[in-house]
Amino acid sequence: MVDVRMTMDEYLTLLGGIPMDSEASETDEKKLEPKKKRSSAYSRRYKANFRKVAPRFKLKNGKWKKNGFKSAVKLAHKMSKK
């Protein structure tokens, strides 16, 4: 068997990473942060209504009844329109 010795920098370079001694620039840090999702007033109303309605269309073990998800979505949209 062959014994191979590498420094951490060589290993990261081989993998395509950034060498350890260099610092990440600000643009790299911004790329790592997920963008904040925007939500409209309607989507917030729909979300609340769906959570309110969902238990009616579920079984005791937490699974959806037959056509339960579809019915819950439809009712939540109907309630959100008002």
PDB file of N, CA and C in Angstrom:
ATOM      1  N   MET A   1       0.827  -1.170   0.000  1.00  0.00           N
ATOM      2  CA  MET A   1       0.000   0.000   0.000  1.00  0.00           C
ATOM      3  C   MET A   1       0.880   1.246   0.000  1.00  0.00           C
ATOM      4  N   VAL A   2       0.409   2.284  -0.675  1.00  0.00           N
ATOM      5  CA  VAL A   2       1.178   3.510  -0.821  1.00  0.00           C
ATOM      6  C   VAL A   2       0.788   4.496   0.277  1.00  0.00           C
ATOM      7  N   ASP A   3       1.768   5.117   0.872  1.00  0.00           N
ATOM      8  CA  ASP A   3       1.525   6.114   1.907  1.00  0.00           C
ATOM      9  C   ASP A   3       1.662   7.500   1.279  1.00  0.00           C
ATOM     10  N   VAL A   4       0.545   8.249   1.245  1.00  0.00           N
ATOM     11  CA  VAL A   4       0.537   9.577   0.629  1.00  0.00           C
ATOM     12  C   VAL A   4       0.364  10.611   1.730  1.00  0.00           C
ATOM     13  N   ARG A   5       1.210  11.626   1.706  1.00  0.00           N
ATOM     14  CA  ARG A   5       1.122  12.683   2.712  1.00  0.00           C
ATOM     15  C   ARG A   5       0.887  14.004   2.004  1.00  0.00           C
ATOM     16  N   MET A   6      -0.139  14.715   2.443  1.00  0.00           N
ATOM     17  CA  MET A   6      -0.494  16.018   1.872  1.00  0.00           C
ATOM     18  C   MET A   6      -0.743  16.990   2.993  1.00  0.00           C
ATOM     19  N   THR A   7      -0.515  18.244   2.688  1.00  0.00           N
ATOM     20  CA  THR A   7      -0.910  19.279   3.636  1.00  0.00           C
ATOM     21  C   THR A   7      -2.401  19.521   3.451  1.00  0.00           C
ATOM     22  N   MET A   8      -3.012  20.174   4.403  1.00  0.00           N
ATOM     23  CA  MET A   8      -4.444  20.455   4.314  1.00  0.00           C
ATOM     24  C   MET A   8      -4.745  21.334   3.108  1.00  0.00           C
ATOM     25  N   ASP A   9      -3.871  22.300   2.818  1.00  0.00           N
ATOM     26  CA  ASP A   9      -4.067  23.179   1.665  1.00  0.00           C
ATOM     27  C   ASP A   9      -4.042  22.394   0.355  1.00  0.00           C
ATOM     28  N   GLU A  10      -3.109  21.476   0.241  1.00  0.00           N
ATOM     29  CA  GLU A  10      -3.022  20.648  -0.967  1.00  0.00           C
ATOM     30  C   GLU A  10      -4.271  19.792  -1.123  1.00  0.00           C
ATOM     31  N   TYR A  11      -4.752  19.252  -0.022  1.00  0.00           N
ATOM     32  CA  TYR A  11      -5.930  18.404  -0.051  1.00  0.00           C
ATOM     33  C   TYR A  11      -7.161  19.199  -0.490  1.00  0.00           C
ATOM     34  N   LEU A  12      -7.348  20.384   0.090  1.00  0.00           N
ATOM     35  CA  LEU A  12      -8.493  21.216  -0.275  1.00  0.00           C
ATOM     36  C   LEU A  12      -8.408  21.692  -1.714  1.00  0.00           C
ATOM     37  N   THR A  13      -7.218  22.008  -2.175  1.00  0.00           N
ATOM     38  CA  THR A  13      -7.026  22.410  -3.559  1.00  0.00           C
ATOM     39  C   THR A  13      -7.371  21.257  -4.490  1.00  0.00           C
ATOM     40  N   LEU A  14      -6.986  20.066  -4.111  1.00  0.00           N
ATOM     41  CA  LEU A  14      -7.294  18.884  -4.895  1.00  0.00           C
ATOM     42  C   LEU A  14      -8.802  18.672  -4.997  1.00  0.00           C
ATOM     43  N   LEU A  15      -9.508  18.909  -3.905  1.00  0.00           N
ATOM     44  CA  LEU A  15     -10.955  18.759  -3.898  1.00  0.00           C
ATOM     45  C   LEU A  15     -11.674  19.940  -4.539  1.00  0.00           C
ATOM     46  N   GLY A  16     -10.958  21.007  -4.836  1.00  0.00           N
ATOM     47  CA  GLY A  16     -11.573  22.178  -5.446  1.00  0.00           C
ATOM     48  C   GLY A  16     -12.052  23.192  -4.434  1.00  0.00           C
ATOM     49  N   GLY A  17     -11.609  23.066  -3.207  1.00  0.00           N
ATOM     50  CA  GLY A  17     -12.015  23.989  -2.158  1.00  0.00           C
ATOM     51  C   GLY A  17     -11.106  25.190  -2.094  1.00  0.00           C
ATOM     52  N   ILE A  18     -11.314  25.997  -1.097  1.00  0.00           N
ATOM     53  CA  ILE A  18     -10.518  27.197  -0.879  1.00  0.00           C
ATOM     54  C   ILE A  18      -9.414  26.854   0.107  1.00  0.00           C
ATOM     55  N   PRO A  19      -8.193  27.268  -0.136  1.00  0.00           N
ATOM     56  CA  PRO A  19      -7.125  27.021   0.842  1.00  0.00           C
ATOM     57  C   PRO A  19      -7.465  27.636   2.196  1.00  0.00           C
ATOM     58  N   MET A  20      -7.021  27.006   3.274  1.00  0.00           N
ATOM     59  CA  MET A  20      -7.406  27.428   4.614  1.00  0.00           C
ATOM     60  C   MET A  20      -6.872  28.792   5.003  1.00  0.00           C
ATOM     61  N   ASP A  21      -5.729  29.194   4.477  1.00  0.00           N
ATOM     62  CA  ASP A  21      -5.148  30.455   4.913  1.00  0.00           C
ATOM     63  C   ASP A  21      -5.822  31.671   4.267  1.00  0.00           C
ATOM     64  N   SER A  22      -6.573  31.478   3.203  1.00  0.00           N
ATOM     65  CA  SER A  22      -7.257  32.615   2.576  1.00  0.00           C
ATOM     66  C   SER A  22      -8.633  32.784   3.208  1.00  0.00           C
ATOM     67  N   GLU A  23      -9.037  34.037   3.360  1.00  0.00           N
ATOM     68  CA  GLU A  23     -10.335  34.309   3.960  1.00  0.00           C
ATOM     69  C   GLU A  23     -11.383  34.448   2.867  1.00  0.00           C
ATOM     70  N   ALA A  24     -12.619  34.084   3.192  1.00  0.00           N
ATOM     71  CA  ALA A  24     -13.710  34.199   2.227  1.00  0.00           C
ATOM     72  C   ALA A  24     -14.066  35.669   2.054  1.00  0.00           C
ATOM     73  N   SER A  25     -14.331  36.050   0.848  1.00  0.00           N
ATOM     74  CA  SER A  25     -14.706  37.436   0.596  1.00  0.00           C
ATOM     75  C   SER A  25     -16.162  37.663   0.994  1.00  0.00           C
ATOM     76  N   GLU A  26     -16.581  38.908   1.003  1.00  0.00           N
ATOM     77  CA  GLU A  26     -17.942  39.236   1.400  1.00  0.00           C
ATOM     78  C   GLU A  26     -18.955  38.650   0.430  1.00  0.00           C
ATOM     79  N   THR A  27     -18.616  38.569  -0.851  1.00  0.00           N
ATOM     80  CA  THR A  27     -19.549  38.015  -1.822  1.00  0.00           C
ATOM     81  C   THR A  27     -19.795  36.537  -1.558  1.00  0.00           C
ATOM     82  N   ASP A  28     -18.775  35.804  -1.110  1.00  0.00           N
ATOM     83  CA  ASP A  28     -18.965  34.402  -0.778  1.00  0.00           C
ATOM     84  C   ASP A  28     -19.893  34.247   0.418  1.00  0.00           C
ATOM     85  N   GLU A  29     -19.775  35.138   1.402  1.00  0.00           N
ATOM     86  CA  GLU A  29     -20.629  35.070   2.579  1.00  0.00           C
ATOM     87  C   GLU A  29     -22.079  35.359   2.208  1.00  0.00           C
ATOM     88  N   LYS A  30     -22.289  36.297   1.292  1.00  0.00           N
ATOM     89  CA  LYS A  30     -23.651  36.627   0.882  1.00  0.00           C
ATOM     90  C   LYS A  30     -24.297  35.479   0.132  1.00  0.00           C
ATOM     91  N   LYS A  31     -23.508  34.738  -0.627  1.00  0.00           N
ATOM     92  CA  LYS A  31     -24.042  33.612  -1.376  1.00  0.00           C
ATOM     93  C   LYS A  31     -24.520  32.507  -0.448  1.00  0.00           C
ATOM     94  N   LEU A  32     -23.877  32.360   0.701  1.00  0.00           N
ATOM     95  CA  LEU A  32     -24.242  31.303   1.620  1.00  0.00           C
ATOM     96  C   LEU A  32     -25.527  31.599   2.379  1.00  0.00           C
ATOM     97  N   GLU A  33     -25.863  32.871   2.573  1.00  0.00           N
ATOM     98  CA  GLU A  33     -27.069  33.236   3.295  1.00  0.00           C
ATOM     99  C   GLU A  33     -28.283  33.064   2.391  1.00  0.00           C
ATOM    100  N   PRO A  34     -29.308  32.335   2.841  1.00  0.00           N
ATOM    101  CA  PRO A  34     -30.498  32.186   2.009  1.00  0.00           C
ATOM    102  C   PRO A  34     -31.271  33.497   1.936  1.00  0.00           C
ATOM    103  N   LYS A  35     -31.904  33.732   0.798  1.00  0.00           N
ATOM    104  CA  LYS A  35     -32.690  34.946   0.640  1.00  0.00           C
ATOM    105  C   LYS A  35     -33.961  34.836   1.471  1.00  0.00           C
ATOM    106  N   LYS A  36     -34.403  35.960   2.009  1.00  0.00           N
ATOM    107  CA  LYS A  36     -35.624  35.982   2.789  1.00  0.00           C
ATOM    108  C   LYS A  36     -36.806  35.857   1.829  1.00  0.00           C
ATOM    109  N   LYS A  37     -37.700  34.913   2.119  1.00  0.00           N
ATOM    110  CA  LYS A  37     -38.852  34.701   1.262  1.00  0.00           C
ATOM    111  C   LYS A  37     -39.900  35.764   1.554  1.00  0.00           C
ATOM    112  N   ARG A  38     -40.497  36.261   0.516  1.00  0.00           N
ATOM    113  CA  ARG A  38     -41.545  37.268   0.667  1.00  0.00           C
ATOM    114  C   ARG A  38     -42.886  36.565   0.715  1.00  0.00           C
ATOM    115  N   SER A  39     -43.785  37.094   1.506  1.00  0.00           N
ATOM    116  CA  SER A  39     -45.120  36.521   1.552  1.00  0.00           C
ATOM    117  C   SER A  39     -46.137  37.646   1.494  1.00  0.00           C
ATOM    118  N   SER A  40     -47.190  37.392   0.754  1.00  0.00           N
ATOM    119  CA  SER A  40     -48.238  38.391   0.614  1.00  0.00           C
ATOM    120  C   SER A  40     -49.245  38.228   1.745  1.00  0.00           C
ATOM    121  N   ALA A  41     -50.133  39.184   1.859  1.00  0.00           N
ATOM    122  CA  ALA A  41     -51.171  39.119   2.883  1.00  0.00           C
ATOM    123  C   ALA A  41     -52.074  37.918   2.624  1.00  0.00           C
ATOM    124  N   TYR A  42     -52.357  37.654   1.345  1.00  0.00           N
ATOM    125  CA  TYR A  42     -53.202  36.506   0.997  1.00  0.00           C
ATOM    126  C   TYR A  42     -52.547  35.195   1.410  1.00  0.00           C
ATOM    127  N   SER A  43     -51.254  35.053   1.154  1.00  0.00           N
ATOM    128  CA  SER A  43     -50.587  33.786   1.492  1.00  0.00           C
ATOM    129  C   SER A  43     -50.548  33.575   3.000  1.00  0.00           C
ATOM    130  N   ARG A  44     -50.437  34.666   3.764  1.00  0.00           N
ATOM    131  CA  ARG A  44     -50.474  34.537   5.224  1.00  0.00           C
ATOM    132  C   ARG A  44     -51.866  34.109   5.690  1.00  0.00           C
ATOM    133  N   ARG A  45     -52.921  34.692   5.092  1.00  0.00           N
ATOM    134  CA  ARG A  45     -54.293  34.293   5.434  1.00  0.00           C
ATOM    135  C   ARG A  45     -54.536  32.833   5.077  1.00  0.00           C
ATOM    136  N   TYR A  46     -54.076  32.442   3.874  1.00  0.00           N
ATOM    137  CA  TYR A  46     -54.260  31.059   3.416  1.00  0.00           C
ATOM    138  C   TYR A  46     -53.553  30.082   4.353  1.00  0.00           C
ATOM    139  N   LYS A  47     -52.337  30.412   4.736  1.00  0.00           N
ATOM    140  CA  LYS A  47     -51.553  29.550   5.627  1.00  0.00           C
ATOM    141  C   LYS A  47     -52.292  29.335   6.951  1.00  0.00           C
ATOM    142  N   ALA A  48     -52.807  30.414   7.517  1.00  0.00           N
ATOM    143  CA  ALA A  48     -53.524  30.320   8.793  1.00  0.00           C
ATOM    144  C   ALA A  48     -54.803  29.504   8.637  1.00  0.00           C
ATOM    145  N   ASN A  49     -55.531  29.749   7.553  1.00  0.00           N
ATOM    146  CA  ASN A  49     -56.777  29.022   7.320  1.00  0.00           C
ATOM    147  C   ASN A  49     -56.517  27.541   7.065  1.00  0.00           C
ATOM    148  N   PHE A  50     -55.455  27.233   6.332  1.00  0.00           N
ATOM    149  CA  PHE A  50     -55.139  25.830   6.055  1.00  0.00           C
ATOM    150  C   PHE A  50     -54.823  25.089   7.348  1.00  0.00           C
ATOM    151  N   ARG A  51     -54.072  25.722   8.226  1.00  0.00           N
ATOM    152  CA  ARG A  51     -53.742  25.087   9.505  1.00  0.00           C
ATOM    153  C   ARG A  51     -54.989  24.870  10.362  1.00  0.00           C
ATOM    154  N   LYS A  52     -55.931  25.802  10.256  1.00  0.00           N
ATOM    155  CA  LYS A  52     -57.176  25.689  11.011  1.00  0.00           C
ATOM    156  C   LYS A  52     -58.030  24.527  10.498  1.00  0.00           C
ATOM    157  N   VAL A  53     -58.064  24.343   9.173  1.00  0.00           N
ATOM    158  CA  VAL A  53     -58.960  23.405   8.515  1.00  0.00           C
ATOM    159  C   VAL A  53     -58.378  21.991   8.438  1.00  0.00           C
ATOM    160  N   ALA A  54     -57.073  21.860   8.353  1.00  0.00           N
ATOM    161  CA  ALA A  54     -56.426  20.571   8.093  1.00  0.00           C
ATOM    162  C   ALA A  54     -56.852  19.441   9.037  1.00  0.00           C
ATOM    163  N   PRO A  55     -56.966  19.652  10.337  1.00  0.00           N
ATOM    164  CA  PRO A  55     -57.339  18.527  11.212  1.00  0.00           C
ATOM    165  C   PRO A  55     -58.681  17.882  10.869  1.00  0.00           C
ATOM    166  N   ARG A  56     -59.597  18.628  10.272  1.00  0.00           N
ATOM    167  CA  ARG A  56     -60.897  18.067   9.887  1.00  0.00           C
ATOM    168  C   ARG A  56     -60.756  16.983   8.829  1.00  0.00           C
ATOM    169  N   PHE A  57     -59.715  17.090   8.017  1.00  0.00           N
ATOM    170  CA  PHE A  57     -59.547  16.194   6.883  1.00  0.00           C
ATOM    171  C   PHE A  57     -58.458  15.147   7.121  1.00  0.00           C
ATOM    172  N   LYS A  58     -58.081  14.944   8.368  1.00  0.00           N
ATOM    173  CA  LYS A  58     -57.065  13.954   8.698  1.00  0.00           C
ATOM    174  C   LYS A  58     -57.655  12.847   9.554  1.00  0.00           C
ATOM    175  N   LEU A  59     -57.016  11.675   9.503  1.00  0.00           N
ATOM    176  CA  LEU A  59     -57.400  10.549  10.332  1.00  0.00           C
ATOM    177  C   LEU A  59     -56.763  10.702  11.716  1.00  0.00           C
ATOM    178  N   LYS A  60     -57.130   9.810  12.637  1.00  0.00           N
ATOM    179  CA  LYS A  60     -56.580   9.891  13.997  1.00  0.00           C
ATOM    180  C   LYS A  60     -55.066   9.716  14.023  1.00  0.00           C
ATOM    181  N   ASN A  61     -54.526   8.916  13.092  1.00  0.00           N
ATOM    182  CA  ASN A  61     -53.087   8.676  13.091  1.00  0.00           C
ATOM    183  C   ASN A  61     -52.307   9.770  12.372  1.00  0.00           C
ATOM    184  N   GLY A  62     -52.991  10.794  11.863  1.00  0.00           N
ATOM    185  CA  GLY A  62     -52.317  11.930  11.244  1.00  0.00           C
ATOM    186  C   GLY A  62     -52.240  11.883   9.739  1.00  0.00           C
ATOM    187  N   LYS A  63     -52.649  10.752   9.138  1.00  0.00           N
ATOM    188  CA  LYS A  63     -52.646  10.665   7.675  1.00  0.00           C
ATOM    189  C   LYS A  63     -53.855  11.406   7.121  1.00  0.00           C
ATOM    190  N   TRP A  64     -53.723  11.811   5.860  1.00  0.00           N
ATOM    191  CA  TRP A  64     -54.832  12.493   5.208  1.00  0.00           C
ATOM    192  C   TRP A  64     -55.922  11.492   4.857  1.00  0.00           C
ATOM    193  N   LYS A  65     -57.198  11.909   4.982  1.00  0.00           N
ATOM    194  CA  LYS A  65     -58.309  11.092   4.512  1.00  0.00           C
ATOM    195  C   LYS A  65     -58.268  11.069   2.995  1.00  0.00           C
ATOM    196  N   LYS A  66     -59.070  10.210   2.395  1.00  0.00           N
ATOM    197  CA  LYS A  66     -59.134  10.148   0.939  1.00  0.00           C
ATOM    198  C   LYS A  66     -59.649  11.496   0.434  1.00  0.00           C
ATOM    199  N   ASN A  67     -58.921  12.095  -0.500  1.00  0.00           N
ATOM    200  CA  ASN A  67     -59.197  13.431  -1.048  1.00  0.00           C
ATOM    201  C   ASN A  67     -59.189  14.513   0.030  1.00  0.00           C
ATOM    202  N   GLY A  68     -58.615  14.225   1.186  1.00  0.00           N
ATOM    203  CA  GLY A  68     -58.604  15.170   2.296  1.00  0.00           C
ATOM    204  C   GLY A  68     -57.741  16.386   2.032  1.00  0.00           C
ATOM    205  N   PHE A  69     -56.546  16.181   1.478  1.00  0.00           N
ATOM    206  CA  PHE A  69     -55.653  17.315   1.220  1.00  0.00           C
ATOM    207  C   PHE A  69     -56.283  18.250   0.193  1.00  0.00           C
ATOM    208  N   LYS A  70     -56.826  17.671  -0.855  1.00  0.00           N
ATOM    209  CA  LYS A  70     -57.462  18.469  -1.908  1.00  0.00           C
ATOM    210  C   LYS A  70     -58.627  19.280  -1.325  1.00  0.00           C
ATOM    211  N   SER A  71     -59.415  18.658  -0.487  1.00  0.00           N
ATOM    212  CA  SER A  71     -60.562  19.341   0.118  1.00  0.00           C
ATOM    213  C   SER A  71     -60.106  20.439   1.077  1.00  0.00           C
ATOM    214  N   ALA A  72     -59.042  20.178   1.833  1.00  0.00           N
ATOM    215  CA  ALA A  72     -58.534  21.170   2.774  1.00  0.00           C
ATOM    216  C   ALA A  72     -57.998  22.383   2.031  1.00  0.00           C
ATOM    217  N   VAL A  73     -57.288  22.154   0.930  1.00  0.00           N
ATOM    218  CA  VAL A  73     -56.758  23.256   0.123  1.00  0.00           C
ATOM    219  C   VAL A  73     -57.902  24.091  -0.433  1.00  0.00           C
ATOM    220  N   LYS A  74     -58.900  23.417  -0.956  1.00  0.00           N
ATOM    221  CA  LYS A  74     -60.042  24.113  -1.564  1.00  0.00           C
ATOM    222  C   LYS A  74     -60.775  24.969  -0.533  1.00  0.00           C
ATOM    223  N   LEU A  75     -61.033  24.399   0.646  1.00  0.00           N
ATOM    224  CA  LEU A  75     -61.735  25.140   1.693  1.00  0.00           C
ATOM    225  C   LEU A  75     -60.894  26.306   2.219  1.00  0.00           C
ATOM    226  N   ALA A  76     -59.584  26.103   2.367  1.00  0.00           N
ATOM    227  CA  ALA A  76     -58.714  27.169   2.857  1.00  0.00           C
ATOM    228  C   ALA A  76     -58.671  28.336   1.861  1.00  0.00           C
ATOM    229  N   HIS A  77     -58.640  28.021   0.570  1.00  0.00           N
ATOM    230  CA  HIS A  77     -58.681  29.084  -0.446  1.00  0.00           C
ATOM    231  C   HIS A  77     -60.006  29.836  -0.396  1.00  0.00           C
ATOM    232  N   LYS A  78     -61.090  29.093  -0.219  1.00  0.00           N
ATOM    233  CA  LYS A  78     -62.418  29.701  -0.148  1.00  0.00           C
ATOM    234  C   LYS A  78     -62.499  30.644   1.056  1.00  0.00           C
ATOM    235  N   MET A  79     -61.961  30.206   2.194  1.00  0.00           N
ATOM    236  CA  MET A  79     -61.985  31.046   3.396  1.00  0.00           C
ATOM    237  C   MET A  79     -61.082  32.265   3.250  1.00  0.00           C
ATOM    238  N   SER A  80     -60.022  32.143   2.502  1.00  0.00           N
ATOM    239  CA  SER A  80     -59.042  33.234   2.354  1.00  0.00           C
ATOM    240  C   SER A  80     -59.533  34.332   1.438  1.00  0.00           C
ATOM    241  N   LYS A  81     -60.444  34.012   0.547  1.00  0.00           N
ATOM    242  CA  LYS A  81     -60.951  35.009  -0.403  1.00  0.00           C
ATOM    243  C   LYS A  81     -61.722  36.113   0.289  1.00  0.00           C
ATOM    244  N   LYS A  82     -62.391  35.782   1.393  1.00  0.00           N
ATOM    245  CA  LYS A  82     -63.270  36.752   2.071  1.00  0.00           C
ATOM    246  C   LYS A  82     -62.531  37.965   2.553  1.00  0.00           C
TER     247      LYS A  82
END
